[in-house]
Amino acid sequence: MNEQGLWELFCKTGLPAAWLAVAGQRQENEARWKEPAKTAFQPKIKQV
């Protein structure tokens, strides 16, 4: 099967939508790890 046939099969099976959903979820998960934890206890910062 040539490359064009593979792309047609890929698009007909709905895999592009599934791949985009998985990639988006992965980006959201990575973004959460980069944010600082949100807790009720915050450090007291003294103003000088």
N, C-alpha and C. Protein backbone atom coordinates (compact mmCIF):
# COMPACT_ATOMS: atom_id res chain seq x y z
N MET A 1 0.85 -1.18 0.00
CA MET A 1 0.00 0.00 0.00
C MET A 1 0.89 1.23 0.00
N ASN A 2 0.55 2.19 -0.80
CA ASN A 2 1.36 3.41 -0.87
C ASN A 2 1.00 4.36 0.27
N GLU A 3 1.74 5.42 0.36
CA GLU A 3 1.55 6.38 1.46
C GLU A 3 0.17 7.03 1.42
N GLN A 4 -0.32 7.35 0.23
CA GLN A 4 -1.64 7.98 0.09
C GLN A 4 -2.73 7.05 0.62
N GLY A 5 -2.61 5.76 0.31
CA GLY A 5 -3.58 4.78 0.79
C GLY A 5 -3.57 4.66 2.30
N LEU A 6 -2.40 4.76 2.90
CA LEU A 6 -2.31 4.71 4.36
C LEU A 6 -2.98 5.91 5.00
N TRP A 7 -2.79 7.11 4.41
CA TRP A 7 -3.43 8.30 4.95
C TRP A 7 -4.94 8.21 4.84
N GLU A 8 -5.43 7.69 3.71
CA GLU A 8 -6.88 7.54 3.53
C GLU A 8 -7.44 6.58 4.57
N LEU A 9 -6.78 5.47 4.79
CA LEU A 9 -7.21 4.50 5.80
C LEU A 9 -7.18 5.13 7.19
N PHE A 10 -6.13 5.85 7.47
CA PHE A 10 -5.98 6.54 8.76
C PHE A 10 -7.15 7.48 9.01
N CYS A 11 -7.53 8.26 7.99
CA CYS A 11 -8.62 9.23 8.14
C CYS A 11 -9.99 8.55 8.21
N LYS A 12 -10.19 7.49 7.47
CA LYS A 12 -11.49 6.80 7.47
C LYS A 12 -11.76 6.08 8.78
N THR A 13 -10.75 5.67 9.48
CA THR A 13 -10.95 4.92 10.72
C THR A 13 -11.23 5.82 11.91
N GLY A 14 -11.07 7.13 11.76
CA GLY A 14 -11.31 8.04 12.87
C GLY A 14 -10.11 8.18 13.78
N LEU A 15 -9.01 7.64 13.40
CA LEU A 15 -7.82 7.72 14.24
C LEU A 15 -7.29 9.14 14.44
N PRO A 16 -7.41 10.06 13.46
CA PRO A 16 -6.92 11.42 13.72
C PRO A 16 -7.60 12.06 14.92
N ALA A 17 -8.93 11.90 15.04
CA ALA A 17 -9.65 12.49 16.17
C ALA A 17 -9.20 11.86 17.48
N ALA A 18 -9.02 10.55 17.48
CA ALA A 18 -8.58 9.86 18.70
C ALA A 18 -7.17 10.30 19.06
N TRP A 19 -6.30 10.42 18.07
CA TRP A 19 -4.92 10.83 18.34
C TRP A 19 -4.88 12.24 18.91
N LEU A 20 -5.69 13.14 18.34
CA LEU A 20 -5.73 14.52 18.84
C LEU A 20 -6.25 14.56 20.28
N ALA A 21 -7.24 13.74 20.59
CA ALA A 21 -7.78 13.71 21.95
C ALA A 21 -6.73 13.23 22.94
N VAL A 22 -5.99 12.21 22.59
CA VAL A 22 -4.95 11.69 23.47
C VAL A 22 -3.83 12.71 23.63
N ALA A 23 -3.43 13.35 22.55
CA ALA A 23 -2.37 14.36 22.62
C ALA A 23 -2.80 15.54 23.48
N GLY A 24 -4.05 15.96 23.35
CA GLY A 24 -4.55 17.07 24.16
C GLY A 24 -4.59 16.72 25.63
N GLN A 25 -5.02 15.50 25.94
CA GLN A 25 -5.06 15.06 27.34
C GLN A 25 -3.65 15.00 27.92
N ARG A 26 -2.71 14.55 27.13
CA ARG A 26 -1.32 14.47 27.59
C ARG A 26 -0.78 15.87 27.91
N GLN A 27 -1.11 16.86 27.07
CA GLN A 27 -0.66 18.24 27.32
C GLN A 27 -1.29 18.79 28.59
N GLU A 28 -2.56 18.50 28.82
CA GLU A 28 -3.22 18.97 30.04
C GLU A 28 -2.56 18.36 31.28
N ASN A 29 -2.27 17.08 31.21
CA ASN A 29 -1.64 16.41 32.36
C ASN A 29 -0.26 17.00 32.64
N GLU A 30 0.52 17.26 31.60
CA GLU A 30 1.85 17.84 31.79
C GLU A 30 1.76 19.25 32.36
N ALA A 31 0.75 20.00 31.95
CA ALA A 31 0.58 21.38 32.44
C ALA A 31 0.27 21.37 33.94
N ARG A 32 -0.49 20.38 34.40
CA ARG A 32 -0.81 20.31 35.83
C ARG A 32 0.43 20.10 36.68
N TRP A 33 1.38 19.32 36.17
CA TRP A 33 2.59 19.05 36.94
C TRP A 33 3.48 20.28 37.04
N LYS A 34 3.37 21.19 36.11
CA LYS A 34 4.21 22.39 36.11
C LYS A 34 3.66 23.46 37.04
N GLU A 35 2.37 23.39 37.38
CA GLU A 35 1.78 24.37 38.28
C GLU A 35 2.15 24.05 39.72
N PRO A 36 2.33 25.07 40.54
CA PRO A 36 2.58 24.79 41.96
C PRO A 36 1.32 24.22 42.61
N ALA A 37 1.51 23.44 43.63
CA ALA A 37 0.38 22.83 44.32
C ALA A 37 -0.47 23.91 44.99
N LYS A 38 -1.78 23.76 44.92
CA LYS A 38 -2.69 24.69 45.56
C LYS A 38 -3.15 24.07 46.88
N THR A 39 -2.70 24.65 47.97
CA THR A 39 -3.07 24.14 49.28
C THR A 39 -3.64 25.26 50.12
N ALA A 40 -4.21 24.89 51.26
CA ALA A 40 -4.76 25.88 52.18
C ALA A 40 -3.65 26.57 52.95
N PHE A 41 -2.50 25.96 53.01
CA PHE A 41 -1.39 26.51 53.79
C PHE A 41 -0.40 27.19 52.86
N GLN A 42 -0.28 28.48 53.00
CA GLN A 42 0.64 29.25 52.17
C GLN A 42 1.75 29.79 53.07
N PRO A 43 2.96 29.88 52.58
CA PRO A 43 4.05 30.40 53.38
C PRO A 43 3.83 31.88 53.70
N LYS A 44 4.23 32.27 54.89
CA LYS A 44 4.14 33.68 55.27
C LYS A 44 5.37 34.41 54.75
N ILE A 45 5.15 35.41 53.95
CA ILE A 45 6.26 36.17 53.38
C ILE A 45 6.30 37.50 54.09
N LYS A 46 7.44 37.79 54.72
CA LYS A 46 7.59 39.04 55.46
C LYS A 46 7.96 40.16 54.50
N GLN A 47 7.27 41.27 54.62
CA GLN A 47 7.59 42.45 53.82
C GLN A 47 8.69 43.23 54.53
N VAL A 48 9.72 43.60 53.81
CA VAL A 48 10.83 44.35 54.42
C VAL A 48 10.74 45.80 54.04
